[in-house]
Protein backbone atom coordinates (compact mmCIF):
# COMPACT_ATOMS: atom_id res chain seq x y z
CA MET A 1 -8.43 -6.60 -12.90
CA THR A 2 -10.23 -4.23 -14.93
CA ALA A 3 -8.84 -1.47 -16.27
CA GLY A 4 -11.80 0.54 -14.08
CA LEU A 5 -10.51 -1.83 -11.35
CA ARG A 6 -7.12 -0.08 -11.63
CA LYS A 7 -8.29 3.73 -12.77
CA ARG A 8 -11.14 3.11 -9.43
CA ILE A 9 -7.84 2.09 -6.24
CA LYS A 10 -5.31 4.57 -7.72
CA ILE A 11 -2.19 2.96 -6.96
CA ARG A 12 -0.18 4.52 -10.06
CA THR A 13 1.08 7.08 -7.18
CA LEU A 14 4.83 6.04 -6.18
CA LYS A 15 2.75 7.16 -2.44
CA SER A 16 0.03 4.98 -3.10
CA LYS A 17 2.37 2.58 -3.90
CA ILE A 18 4.58 2.73 -1.47
CA LEU A 19 1.27 2.99 1.29
CA LEU A 20 -0.16 -0.57 -0.62
CA PHE A 21 3.15 -2.04 0.20
CA PHE A 22 2.79 -0.82 4.20
CA ILE A 23 -0.82 -2.71 3.58
CA LEU A 24 0.40 -5.85 2.23
CA PHE A 25 3.42 -6.16 4.53
CA ALA A 26 0.73 -5.52 7.48
CA CYS A 27 -1.30 -8.46 6.36
CA ILE A 28 1.13 -10.76 6.17
CA ILE A 29 2.48 -9.95 9.31
CA LEU A 30 -1.25 -10.07 9.81
CA LEU A 31 -1.50 -14.13 8.80
CA LEU A 32 1.75 -14.76 9.99
CA GLN A 33 0.84 -14.00 13.17
CA ILE A 34 -2.81 -15.95 12.98
CA GLY A 35 -0.84 -18.69 11.47
CA VAL A 36 2.96 -19.79 12.10
CA PHE A 37 3.12 -17.44 15.31
CA GLN A 38 -0.09 -18.69 16.71
CA LYS A 39 0.59 -22.64 16.91
CA TRP A 40 4.16 -21.44 18.11
CA ILE A 41 2.52 -19.94 20.91
CA ARG A 42 -0.45 -22.30 21.35
CA SER A 43 2.86 -24.61 22.27
CA ILE A 44 4.56 -22.56 24.49
CA ILE A 45 1.67 -21.49 26.88
CA ILE A 46 0.56 -25.27 26.84
CA GLU A 47 3.96 -26.08 27.91
CA LYS A 48 4.45 -24.07 30.28
CA SER A 49 0.93 -24.05 31.82
CA GLU A 50 1.53 -28.16 32.08
CA THR A 51 5.31 -27.63 33.70
CA TYR A 52 3.78 -25.35 35.57
CA PHE A 53 0.77 -27.62 36.82
CA LYS A 54 3.00 -30.56 36.75
CA GLU A 55 5.43 -28.35 39.70
CA SER A 56 1.90 -27.15 41.30
CA VAL A 57 0.78 -31.25 42.12
CA HIS A 58 4.21 -32.08 42.98
CA GLN A 59 4.45 -29.17 46.07
CA ILE A 60 1.00 -30.15 47.16
CA GLY A 61 1.58 -34.89 46.82
CA GLN A 62 5.22 -33.42 49.01
CA ARG A 63 2.84 -31.67 51.61
CA VAL A 64 0.46 -34.85 51.37
CA ASP A 65 3.57 -36.94 51.63
CA LEU A 66 4.66 -35.17 55.09
CA GLU A 67 0.48 -35.60 56.44
CA PHE A 68 0.83 -39.49 55.53
CA ASN A 69 4.37 -39.81 57.23
CA GLN A 70 3.29 -37.59 60.15
CA PHE A 71 0.06 -39.64 60.24
CA HIS A 72 2.20 -43.04 60.63
CA ALA A 73 4.71 -41.67 62.60
CA MET A 74 1.08 -41.51 65.22
CA ALA A 75 -0.48 -45.20 63.94
CA VAL A 76 3.16 -47.10 64.76
CA GLY A 77 4.29 -44.72 67.98
CA ILE A 78 0.22 -46.17 69.10
CA CYS A 79 0.94 -49.60 68.54
CA ASN A 80 4.65 -49.37 70.29
CA ASP A 81 2.85 -47.74 73.08
CA GLN A 82 4.16 -49.79 75.88
CA VAL A 83 1.52 -49.91 77.71
CA VAL A 84 -1.25 -50.59 75.09
CA ASN A 85 1.08 -54.14 74.01
CA ASN A 86 1.39 -54.97 77.99
CA TYR A 87 -2.93 -54.63 78.71
CA LEU A 88 -3.02 -56.26 74.69
CA ALA A 89 -0.55 -59.26 76.22
CA ASP A 90 -2.43 -59.82 79.10
CA LEU A 91 -6.11 -59.77 77.77
CA LYS A 92 -4.46 -62.64 75.50
CA LYS A 93 -3.17 -64.36 78.83
CA GLN A 94 -6.53 -62.97 80.24
CA SER A 95 -5.05 -62.01 83.30
CA ILE A 96 -7.05 -58.84 83.53
CA ASN A 97 -10.63 -58.02 83.08
CA TYR A 98 -11.13 -56.66 80.16
CA ASN A 99 -13.62 -53.95 80.82
CA ILE A 100 -9.99 -52.66 82.88
CA ALA A 101 -7.60 -53.43 79.97
CA LYS A 102 -10.01 -51.69 77.71
CA TYR A 103 -10.06 -48.14 80.12
CA LYS A 104 -6.15 -48.34 80.49
CA ILE A 105 -5.89 -48.99 76.90
CA SER A 106 -8.32 -46.36 76.17
CA ASN A 107 -6.89 -43.61 78.10
CA GLU A 108 -3.15 -44.35 77.36
CA ILE A 109 -4.17 -44.32 73.56
CA LEU A 110 -6.32 -40.93 74.05
CA ARG A 111 -4.37 -38.94 76.22
CA THR A 112 -1.35 -39.47 73.94
CA THR A 113 -3.15 -38.96 70.16
CA ASN A 114 -3.76 -36.36 68.16
CA LEU A 115 -7.76 -37.08 67.48
CA ASP A 116 -8.13 -34.31 65.02
CA TRP A 117 -7.35 -36.27 61.87
CA ILE A 118 -9.00 -39.69 63.12
CA GLN A 119 -12.85 -40.42 62.17
CA ASN A 120 -13.00 -43.76 64.12
CA MET A 121 -10.22 -46.01 65.95
CA TYR A 122 -10.36 -49.19 67.11
CA ILE A 123 -8.37 -52.38 68.09
CA PHE A 124 -9.38 -55.33 67.44
CA PRO A 125 -7.87 -58.34 70.37
CA VAL A 126 -6.72 -61.59 69.47
CA GLY A 127 -7.68 -64.52 71.40
CA GLY A 128 -11.93 -63.59 70.80
CA GLN A 129 -11.96 -60.62 72.80
CA PRO A 130 -14.79 -58.13 71.76
CA PRO A 131 -13.16 -54.59 69.96
CA ILE A 132 -11.81 -52.28 71.89
CA ASN A 133 -13.95 -49.27 70.71
CA LEU A 134 -11.17 -46.05 71.04
CA TYR A 135 -12.48 -43.51 68.88
CA TYR A 136 -15.11 -43.04 67.09
CA SER A 137 -18.81 -42.45 65.58
CA LYS A 138 -20.24 -45.38 65.18
CA ALA A 139 -19.25 -48.95 67.44
CA VAL A 140 -18.21 -51.64 65.99
CA PHE A 141 -18.83 -54.78 68.46
CA ASP A 142 -18.18 -57.61 65.95
CA VAL A 143 -14.86 -58.67 64.12
CA ASP A 144 -15.92 -59.60 59.95
CA ALA A 145 -14.14 -61.79 58.26
CA ASN A 146 -11.46 -59.58 56.90
CA ILE A 147 -10.24 -57.92 60.32
CA GLN A 148 -10.07 -61.84 61.10
CA ASN A 149 -8.25 -62.87 58.66
CA MET A 150 -5.87 -59.79 59.96
CA LEU A 151 -5.38 -61.98 63.04
CA ASN A 152 -5.22 -65.22 61.94
CA ASP A 153 -1.45 -63.27 60.35
CA ALA A 154 -2.59 -62.73 57.30
CA PRO A 155 0.21 -62.16 54.70
CA GLY A 156 1.52 -58.43 54.11
CA LEU A 157 0.78 -56.97 57.82
CA THR A 158 3.70 -56.96 59.63
CA GLN A 159 4.82 -54.72 62.41
CA GLY A 160 5.30 -50.63 60.97
CA THR A 161 3.42 -51.26 57.57
CA ILE A 162 0.05 -50.23 57.15
CA ARG A 163 -2.48 -51.90 55.26
CA TRP A 164 -4.82 -49.47 53.31
CA ALA A 165 -8.41 -50.25 52.78
CA GLU A 166 -11.65 -48.49 51.99
CA VAL A 167 -14.74 -48.83 54.18
CA SER A 168 -17.67 -50.35 51.69
CA SER A 169 -19.73 -49.01 54.57
CA GLU A 170 -18.85 -45.11 53.74
CA PRO A 171 -18.01 -45.34 50.16
CA GLY A 172 -14.76 -42.67 50.14
CA GLN A 173 -13.54 -43.41 53.50
CA VAL A 174 -10.37 -44.83 53.88
CA SER A 175 -9.01 -47.38 57.06
CA ALA A 176 -5.27 -47.54 58.17
CA PHE A 177 -4.77 -51.08 59.16
CA LEU A 178 -1.79 -51.92 61.84
CA SER A 179 -0.23 -55.26 63.84
CA ILE A 180 0.45 -54.55 67.28
CA GLU A 181 2.72 -56.75 68.17
CA GLU A 182 5.95 -57.12 70.44
CA GLY A 183 7.08 -61.48 69.63
CA ASP A 184 3.97 -62.30 69.32
CA LYS A 185 1.05 -60.57 68.08
CA TYR A 186 -1.21 -58.92 70.37
CA GLY A 187 -4.23 -57.39 67.81
CA ILE A 188 -4.81 -55.04 64.69
CA LEU A 189 -4.79 -51.56 65.23
CA GLN A 190 -7.96 -49.91 62.69
CA ILE A 191 -7.68 -45.90 62.17
CA SER A 192 -10.55 -44.42 59.80
CA LEU A 193 -9.70 -41.06 58.37
CA SER A 194 -11.42 -37.81 58.80
CA ASP A 195 -12.15 -34.79 56.41
CA THR A 196 -9.71 -32.99 58.60
CA PHE A 197 -6.97 -34.63 57.20
CA PHE A 198 -7.29 -33.43 53.64
CA GLN A 199 -8.24 -30.33 55.32
CA PHE A 200 -5.43 -28.70 53.98
CA LEU A 201 -6.27 -29.83 49.95
CA LYS A 202 -9.20 -27.77 50.12
CA ASP A 203 -7.03 -24.07 49.81
CA VAL A 204 -5.05 -25.90 46.43
CA GLN A 205 -5.81 -23.77 43.34
CA LEU A 206 -4.60 -25.15 40.23
CA GLY A 207 -5.28 -22.07 37.78
CA SER A 208 -8.73 -20.46 38.42
CA LYS A 209 -10.96 -23.60 37.92
CA GLY A 210 -8.24 -26.50 38.40
CA GLU A 211 -8.93 -28.82 40.85
CA VAL A 212 -6.71 -31.68 42.78
CA PHE A 213 -8.18 -35.44 43.01
CA LEU A 214 -6.28 -38.21 46.04
CA LEU A 215 -7.29 -41.62 44.89
CA LYS A 216 -6.32 -44.84 46.31
CA ASN A 217 -6.04 -47.30 44.07
CA ASN A 218 -7.77 -45.34 41.10
CA THR A 219 -10.81 -44.49 43.16
CA VAL A 220 -11.60 -40.70 44.74
CA ILE A 221 -10.92 -40.70 48.35
CA TYR A 222 -11.05 -36.74 48.17
CA ALA A 223 -12.52 -34.13 46.42
CA LYS A 224 -14.11 -30.21 46.81
CA ASP A 225 -17.37 -32.18 45.27
CA HIS A 226 -17.62 -34.14 47.39
CA SER A 227 -20.52 -36.45 44.67
CA ARG A 228 -17.39 -37.39 42.81
CA ILE A 229 -15.64 -38.74 46.05
CA GLY A 230 -15.70 -43.09 45.51
CA THR A 231 -15.88 -42.30 41.89
CA SER A 232 -13.16 -43.72 39.33
CA ALA A 233 -10.30 -41.86 38.36
CA LEU A 234 -11.33 -43.16 34.61
CA ALA A 235 -14.31 -41.28 34.88
CA PHE A 236 -12.44 -38.24 34.01
CA ASP A 237 -12.23 -37.14 30.55
CA HIS A 238 -8.85 -36.52 29.39
CA LYS A 239 -9.51 -35.16 26.37
CA GLN A 240 -11.05 -32.16 27.96
CA SER A 241 -8.47 -31.58 30.58
CA THR A 242 -4.73 -31.70 31.44
CA THR A 243 -4.53 -33.99 34.33
CA VAL A 244 -1.14 -34.44 35.89
CA LYS A 245 0.00 -37.56 38.90
CA TYR A 246 2.43 -37.47 41.91
CA GLU A 247 2.52 -41.07 42.78
CA LEU A 248 2.53 -40.59 46.88
CA ASN A 249 5.22 -42.49 49.07
CA GLU A 250 2.33 -44.62 50.60
CA SER A 251 1.86 -47.55 48.42
CA GLY A 252 -1.41 -47.53 46.22
CA TRP A 253 -2.21 -43.50 46.74
CA THR A 254 -2.29 -41.04 44.12
CA LEU A 255 -2.54 -36.99 43.75
CA LEU A 256 -4.29 -36.23 40.79
CA GLY A 257 -4.86 -32.50 39.26
CA VAL A 258 -7.03 -31.39 36.95
CA VAL A 259 -6.92 -28.34 35.04
CA PRO A 260 -10.05 -27.40 32.07
CA GLN A 261 -8.44 -27.22 28.77
CA ALA A 262 -10.85 -23.95 28.19
CA GLU A 263 -8.54 -21.92 30.59
CA ILE A 264 -5.37 -22.91 29.09
CA LEU A 265 -7.17 -21.94 25.96
CA GLN A 266 -8.00 -18.81 27.38
CA GLN A 267 -4.67 -17.94 28.14
CA ILE A 268 -3.62 -18.55 24.75
CA HIS A 269 -6.88 -16.48 23.52
CA GLU A 270 -6.11 -13.77 26.01
CA PHE A 271 -2.43 -13.38 24.87
CA ASN A 272 -3.74 -13.40 21.41
CA ARG A 273 -5.56 -10.51 22.15
CA ILE A 274 -3.18 -8.98 24.03
CA PHE A 275 -0.36 -9.59 20.60
CA ILE A 276 -3.14 -8.62 18.15
CA ILE A 277 -3.53 -5.52 19.93
CA MET A 278 -0.67 -4.45 20.03
CA ILE A 279 0.55 -5.17 16.39
CA ILE A 280 -2.43 -3.12 15.43
CA VAL A 281 -0.68 -0.48 17.48
CA ILE A 282 2.33 -1.06 16.03
CA LEU A 283 0.65 -1.36 12.00
CA ALA A 284 -0.52 1.81 12.78
CA ALA A 285 2.14 4.09 14.21
CA VAL A 286 4.22 2.03 11.65
CA MET A 287 1.69 3.11 8.21
CA MET A 288 1.28 6.84 9.88
CA PHE A 289 5.08 6.68 9.76
CA ALA A 290 4.40 5.68 6.41
CA VAL A 291 2.50 8.45 5.09
CA VAL A 292 4.38 11.22 6.86
CA SER A 293 8.39 9.79 5.72
CA ALA A 294 6.36 9.64 2.19
CA SER A 295 5.08 12.91 2.03
CA ILE A 296 8.46 14.74 3.27
CA ILE A 297 10.18 12.55 1.34
CA LEU A 298 7.71 13.11 -1.97
CA ARG A 299 7.45 16.56 -1.44
CA PRO A 300 10.89 17.42 -3.25
CA LEU A 301 9.39 14.97 -6.30
CA LYS A 302 6.35 16.67 -6.43
CA GLN A 303 8.08 20.59 -7.41
CA ILE A 304 10.15 19.07 -9.23
CA ILE A 305 7.13 17.72 -10.94
CA LYS A 306 5.29 20.94 -11.15
CA GLY A 307 8.44 22.32 -12.41
CA MET A 308 8.50 19.80 -15.29
CA ASP A 309 4.46 20.63 -16.20
CA SER A 310 5.51 24.08 -16.20
CA ILE A 311 8.22 24.06 -19.04
CA GLN A 312 6.04 22.01 -21.11
CA GLN A 313 3.82 24.40 -20.71
CA GLY A 314 6.54 27.40 -21.96
CA ASN A 315 7.15 28.37 -18.66
CA LEU A 316 10.93 28.73 -18.70
CA ASP A 317 11.44 31.54 -15.28
CA ILE A 318 10.94 28.38 -12.93
CA ARG A 319 13.62 27.77 -10.78
CA LEU A 320 12.78 25.06 -7.94
CA GLU A 321 14.26 25.55 -4.22
CA HIS A 322 15.01 23.33 -1.41
CA ARG A 323 16.80 23.09 1.55
CA GLY A 324 18.79 20.41 2.47
CA ASN A 325 21.39 18.32 1.13
CA ASP A 326 20.17 14.73 0.34
CA GLU A 327 19.38 13.77 -3.56
CA PHE A 328 17.01 15.39 -4.21
CA SER A 329 18.96 18.81 -3.85
CA ALA A 330 21.62 17.42 -6.39
CA ILE A 331 18.70 16.81 -8.38
CA ILE A 332 16.92 20.32 -8.48
CA PHE A 333 19.92 21.67 -8.81
CA GLN A 334 20.75 19.99 -12.13
CA PHE A 335 16.94 20.52 -13.39
CA ASN A 336 17.75 24.06 -12.84
CA TYR A 337 20.43 24.26 -14.55
CA MET A 338 19.26 22.71 -17.41
CA VAL A 339 15.96 24.93 -17.49
CA GLU A 340 19.33 27.62 -17.72
CA GLN A 341 20.82 25.83 -20.14
CA VAL A 342 17.67 25.14 -22.30
CA ASN A 343 16.75 29.01 -21.67
CA SER A 344 19.96 30.32 -22.67
CA LEU A 345 19.93 27.69 -26.14
CA ILE A 346 16.18 28.43 -27.13
CA LYS A 347 17.13 32.26 -27.00
CA THR A 348 19.66 31.57 -29.06
CA VAL A 349 18.55 29.52 -31.91
CA TYR A 350 15.72 31.80 -31.43
CA GLN A 351 17.88 34.60 -32.77
CA GLN A 352 19.78 33.07 -34.88
CA GLN A 353 16.70 31.30 -36.63
CA ARG A 354 14.88 35.41 -36.82
CA ARG A 355 18.59 36.50 -38.41
CA TYR A 356 17.97 33.52 -40.64
CA ARG A 357 14.99 34.09 -41.64
CA GLU A 358 15.62 38.09 -42.43
CA ALA A 359 18.77 37.38 -44.24
CA GLU A 360 16.49 34.99 -46.55
CA ILE A 361 13.58 37.62 -46.88
CA VAL A 362 15.67 40.29 -47.87
CA SER A 363 17.93 37.50 -50.70
CA LEU A 364 14.49 36.78 -51.89
CA LEU A 365 13.41 40.45 -52.24
CA SER A 366 16.97 40.85 -54.10
CA LYS A 367 16.58 37.81 -56.42
CA LEU A 368 12.58 38.99 -57.17
CA ASN A 369 13.29 42.39 -58.16
CA PRO A 370 16.44 42.35 -60.56
CA HIS A 371 14.17 39.33 -62.61
CA PHE A 372 11.17 41.84 -62.65
CA LEU A 373 13.21 45.33 -63.55
CA TYR A 374 15.04 43.84 -66.30
CA ASN A 375 11.89 42.59 -68.37
CA SER A 376 10.72 45.94 -68.01
CA LEU A 377 13.17 48.02 -69.01
CA ASP A 378 12.73 45.27 -71.95
CA MET A 379 9.07 46.24 -72.57
CA ILE A 380 10.26 49.97 -71.76
CA TYR A 381 12.70 49.84 -74.49
CA TRP A 382 10.57 48.56 -77.30
CA LYS A 383 8.02 51.01 -76.14
CA ALA A 384 10.17 53.23 -76.99
CA ILE A 385 10.90 52.18 -80.40
CA LEU A 386 7.37 51.83 -81.48
CA LYS A 387 5.56 54.35 -79.91
CA GLY A 388 5.75 58.01 -78.77
CA GLU A 389 8.00 59.63 -75.93
CA GLN A 390 4.68 60.27 -73.41
CA GLU A 391 4.32 56.82 -72.88
CA ILE A 392 7.76 56.44 -72.69
CA GLY A 393 7.71 58.72 -69.73
CA GLY A 394 4.40 56.84 -67.63
CA SER A 395 6.20 54.07 -68.27
CA ILE A 396 9.71 55.49 -66.90
CA VAL A 397 7.94 57.18 -63.79
CA ALA A 398 5.47 53.91 -62.12
CA LEU A 399 9.12 51.58 -62.35
CA SER A 400 10.96 54.16 -60.87
CA ASN A 401 7.92 53.83 -57.83
CA ILE A 402 8.32 50.59 -57.83
CA LEU A 403 12.19 50.61 -57.38
CA ARG A 404 12.00 53.03 -55.04
CA TYR A 405 8.99 51.15 -53.13
CA SER A 406 10.79 47.63 -53.36
CA ILE A 407 14.35 48.48 -51.84
CA SER A 408 13.06 50.61 -49.28
CA HIS A 409 13.53 47.92 -45.91
CA HIS A 410 13.00 50.52 -43.16
CA ASN A 411 9.42 49.46 -42.73
CA GLU A 412 8.22 45.99 -43.13
CA PHE A 413 4.71 46.44 -42.74
CA VAL A 414 2.36 49.47 -44.83
CA THR A 415 -1.17 49.94 -44.89
CA VAL A 416 -3.52 47.68 -47.38
CA ARG A 417 -3.66 51.27 -49.51
CA GLU A 418 0.26 51.49 -49.79
CA ASP A 419 0.39 48.35 -50.93
CA LEU A 420 -2.05 48.13 -53.71
CA ASN A 421 -0.64 51.06 -54.93
CA GLN A 422 2.41 49.80 -56.17
CA LEU A 423 0.36 46.16 -57.20
CA GLU A 424 -1.67 48.81 -59.43
CA ASN A 425 2.20 50.50 -60.68
CA TYR A 426 3.32 46.75 -61.12
CA LEU A 427 0.02 45.73 -62.81
CA THR A 428 0.49 48.96 -65.30
CA ILE A 429 3.76 47.93 -66.59
CA GLN A 430 2.69 44.34 -67.29
CA SER A 431 -0.91 45.76 -68.83
CA MET A 432 1.70 47.12 -71.23
CA ARG A 433 3.94 45.09 -71.34
CA PHE A 434 1.20 42.67 -73.07
CA GLN A 435 -0.38 44.85 -75.33
CA ASP A 436 -3.34 45.88 -73.09
CA LYS A 437 -4.30 42.16 -73.58
CA LEU A 438 -3.57 41.50 -69.73
CA ASN A 439 -7.08 43.07 -67.85
CA TYR A 440 -6.77 43.74 -63.92
CA THR A 441 -9.66 44.11 -61.14
CA PHE A 442 -9.54 45.31 -57.91
CA SER A 443 -12.32 44.45 -54.94
CA ILE A 444 -11.04 45.85 -51.62
CA GLN A 445 -13.92 46.37 -48.34
CA PRO A 446 -12.73 49.83 -47.75
CA GLU A 447 -12.91 49.32 -43.48
CA ILE A 448 -9.47 47.06 -44.28
CA TRP A 449 -7.96 49.67 -46.95
CA ASP A 450 -5.95 50.93 -43.73
CA GLU A 451 -5.08 47.47 -42.19
CA ARG A 452 -0.66 47.12 -41.88
CA ILE A 453 0.07 44.10 -44.03
CA PRO A 454 3.49 42.36 -44.46
CA LYS A 455 5.17 44.56 -47.50
CA LEU A 456 5.01 42.94 -51.07
CA VAL A 457 2.86 39.58 -50.21
CA ILE A 458 0.31 40.19 -53.23
CA GLN A 459 2.70 41.42 -55.44
CA PRO A 460 4.69 38.27 -56.16
CA LEU A 461 1.35 36.05 -56.21
CA VAL A 462 0.19 38.55 -59.36
CA GLU A 463 3.27 38.23 -61.06
CA ASN A 464 3.20 33.96 -60.42
CA ALA A 465 -0.32 34.10 -62.05
CA ILE A 466 1.11 36.68 -64.86
CA LYS A 467 3.79 33.44 -65.04
CA TYR A 468 2.01 31.00 -65.56
CA ALA A 469 -1.78 31.17 -66.33
CA PHE A 470 -1.95 33.36 -69.39
CA GLN A 471 0.31 30.59 -70.92
CA ASN A 472 -0.68 29.41 -74.54
CA MET A 473 -4.04 31.37 -73.65
CA LYS A 474 -5.59 32.81 -77.25
CA HIS A 475 -8.11 34.90 -75.39
CA ASP A 476 -7.20 38.22 -72.87
CA GLY A 477 -6.26 37.47 -69.54
CA HIS A 478 -8.02 39.09 -66.41
CA ILE A 479 -7.35 39.21 -62.88
CA VAL A 480 -9.16 40.25 -60.10
CA ILE A 481 -7.97 41.06 -57.01
CA ARG A 482 -9.85 40.91 -53.57
CA GLY A 483 -9.08 41.66 -50.32
CA TYR A 484 -12.06 41.72 -46.87
CA ARG A 485 -12.07 40.85 -43.96
CA SER A 486 -13.37 37.21 -42.09
CA LYS A 487 -13.48 36.79 -39.06
CA ASN A 488 -9.93 37.69 -36.75
CA GLU A 489 -8.00 37.46 -40.33
CA LEU A 490 -7.63 39.57 -43.51
CA ARG A 491 -7.83 37.28 -46.63
CA PHE A 492 -6.09 38.16 -50.46
CA GLU A 493 -7.60 36.17 -53.28
CA VAL A 494 -5.18 36.30 -56.40
CA ALA A 495 -8.09 34.58 -59.81
CA ASP A 496 -7.22 34.70 -63.41
CA ASN A 497 -8.69 32.95 -65.85
CA GLY A 498 -5.84 31.05 -67.12
CA VAL A 499 -5.16 27.44 -67.75
CA GLY A 500 -5.62 26.61 -64.13
CA ILE A 501 -2.87 23.77 -62.24
CA PRO A 502 -3.91 20.22 -62.36
CA ASP A 503 -4.35 18.91 -58.32
CA GLU A 504 -1.50 16.53 -58.56
CA ARG A 505 0.51 20.05 -59.09
CA ILE A 506 -1.05 21.88 -56.23
CA ARG A 507 -0.61 18.90 -53.99
CA SER A 508 3.38 19.24 -54.78
CA ILE A 509 3.14 23.04 -54.58
CA HIS A 510 1.75 22.73 -51.09
CA SER A 511 3.91 20.36 -50.11
CA ALA A 512 7.39 22.28 -50.98
CA CYS A 513 6.49 25.47 -49.45
CA GLU A 514 5.82 23.89 -46.63
CA GLN A 515 9.76 23.17 -46.35
CA ASP A 516 11.91 26.16 -45.21
CA ASN A 517 14.71 25.73 -48.13
CA THR A 518 13.76 27.18 -51.52
CA THR A 519 12.85 24.24 -53.96
CA GLU A 520 12.02 24.14 -57.59
CA GLY A 521 8.72 22.79 -56.51
CA CYS A 522 7.57 25.65 -55.75
CA GLY A 523 7.47 28.80 -56.93
CA LEU A 524 9.47 31.24 -56.04
CA GLY A 525 7.37 34.66 -54.71
CA ILE A 526 4.62 32.04 -53.88
CA GLN A 527 7.31 30.83 -50.79
CA LEU A 528 8.12 33.87 -50.18
CA VAL A 529 4.33 34.82 -49.14
CA HIS A 530 4.08 31.56 -47.52
CA GLN A 531 6.74 31.90 -45.50
CA ARG A 532 6.62 34.99 -44.12
CA ALA A 533 2.98 34.98 -42.99
CA LYS A 534 3.91 31.44 -41.20
CA TYR A 535 6.59 33.32 -39.43
CA LEU A 536 4.98 36.62 -38.20
CA TYR A 537 1.34 34.94 -37.65
CA GLY A 538 1.95 31.14 -36.35
CA GLU A 539 0.84 27.96 -38.22
CA GLY A 540 -1.90 28.70 -39.90
CA TYR A 541 -1.29 31.25 -41.59
CA GLY A 542 -0.24 31.38 -45.31
CA ILE A 543 -0.87 30.68 -49.11
CA SER A 544 -3.81 28.29 -50.16
CA ILE A 545 -5.19 27.31 -54.20
CA ARG A 546 -7.85 26.56 -55.66
CA SER A 547 -7.65 25.58 -59.56
CA MET A 548 -9.18 23.85 -62.33
CA VAL A 549 -7.96 22.87 -65.73
CA GLY A 550 -8.94 25.46 -67.89
CA ALA A 551 -10.74 27.34 -65.94
CA GLY A 552 -8.35 29.13 -63.88
CA THR A 553 -6.46 29.30 -60.96
CA THR A 554 -7.71 31.11 -57.37
CA ILE A 555 -4.59 31.75 -55.28
CA THR A 556 -5.72 33.12 -51.84
CA VAL A 557 -3.28 34.22 -48.63
CA ARG A 558 -4.52 34.06 -44.84
CA LEU A 559 -2.85 36.83 -42.63
CA GLY A 560 -3.49 38.04 -39.19
CA THR A 561 -4.88 41.33 -38.13
CA ARG A 562 -2.81 44.46 -35.97
CA ALA A 563 -5.17 42.64 -33.28
CA ILE A 564 -3.48 39.35 -33.82
CA VAL A 565 -0.27 40.63 -34.76
CA ARG A 566 1.77 41.74 -31.40
CA PRO A 567 4.75 40.45 -29.74
CA ARG A 568 4.51 36.89 -28.88
CA LYS A 569 6.40 35.38 -26.40
CA VAL A 570 8.16 32.69 -26.50
CA SER A 571 10.53 30.35 -24.48
CA GLY A 572 10.06 32.28 -21.83
CA PHE A 573 10.97 35.70 -23.66
CA GLU A 574 9.85 38.39 -25.99
CA THR A 575 9.49 38.66 -29.54
């Protein structure tokens, strides 16, 4: 998965991960339903369907057995009828006229028999008498070989038993043969069944497309589709259908139930369709529940993240609110407590740092001024020895002005004019000290004279130049003090024509000035100016040094203007 694809999917948020989990869970459920559940449900439906079909075919078979029992009772009743037996016995003895016997027998049988089930009914007397046509659609006048064999005491046909045989002239139609005897055999009764006997099978339903077939020795005797009557049961496609057999009490008779597999599969498909719809509805409800739950659960988390972003932007006044008594309430309570503690700690640290900076500046100023006053007084002393009192008086006046300006701490910011006047008093005394070998020039833009800057921010740079730039010089020293505005800042440059500074020494000075503690690697005055500029105006302000060995040095200090020097909001409170 590429980074671009991961970015498009956007699963970085916790809410997206929760939803992705539910989607994967839903897919697993669907796969299980399609794979395992469907196979399991298919086997259950097939098993239940087959059980239902077996029970249905069994019930239908019992009904057919009942029909056969009633038919058997009717046929045996005809064979045991005493009137019939008497007249057949007389025919056998040839003691009665054939037509009279036929009439009496027919009248007796037709009077006591239910003819709805019968297509044809004949009696074949023994002794060579013609057949008696009792009830028929087609009269019979001759005795065929099969019946003659029965009349000749063929094995297997005894009193009270039925032999079934298919009538070859009418495919699908069967006849029952019974022996009429009472001590002696008097004849054979043949009854051919009509469609009415199987009428109740027309109303039998096995599902919506299932059928039942009545078989005799695997030959179809009855079917709703009459074109199948007389065909073999082996012609059924058992792969495309489910078959159930029921062996009837009548020997050789079978009831066969056939249900197409498509009907069972249709039930499976219908169940799967309903099941999938239910799963989709349930999963949709679960997904909706997941979205709502994730939104409710993640709402306090988003509130905490928003609060942390506000803290990252420097706003420590933020306080979070959450109603309830859950885990998020405890987290938000701890969050608010942490913010209060951090806010209090930052204020304490800031105040301590500010007092430390003020004390450090005062300490540096106190270290700077005694050193200068010592040199100045030493110079004035020698001037008093070598020259007249007028020059000594001027020096004393300049010195007193410097002393008064330096020890005054009631106002940290002064105008550029005030600070440069003080610097000129300082340079006047230094010129007298170097016996007029030190020259200086001011180049200040007129529009910045009234800008306010920190007091004594330029003099330490001039003092550093006098102290280091003119050592071992054979010509007079010259210092140029420039001041100008550059965009939204003030810049002051102190340039000398001294011995210059090597590049390695410049890097060392810059590195030392960035440290908070005073070090010997950076001049005391330079470090003071740099730290004060950073403290008052922020990062980016302070000194920078450009120098070339033998060609002099330029030290630049960058300060903010009055538009930039304003109360600064640091970590939630004003400075």
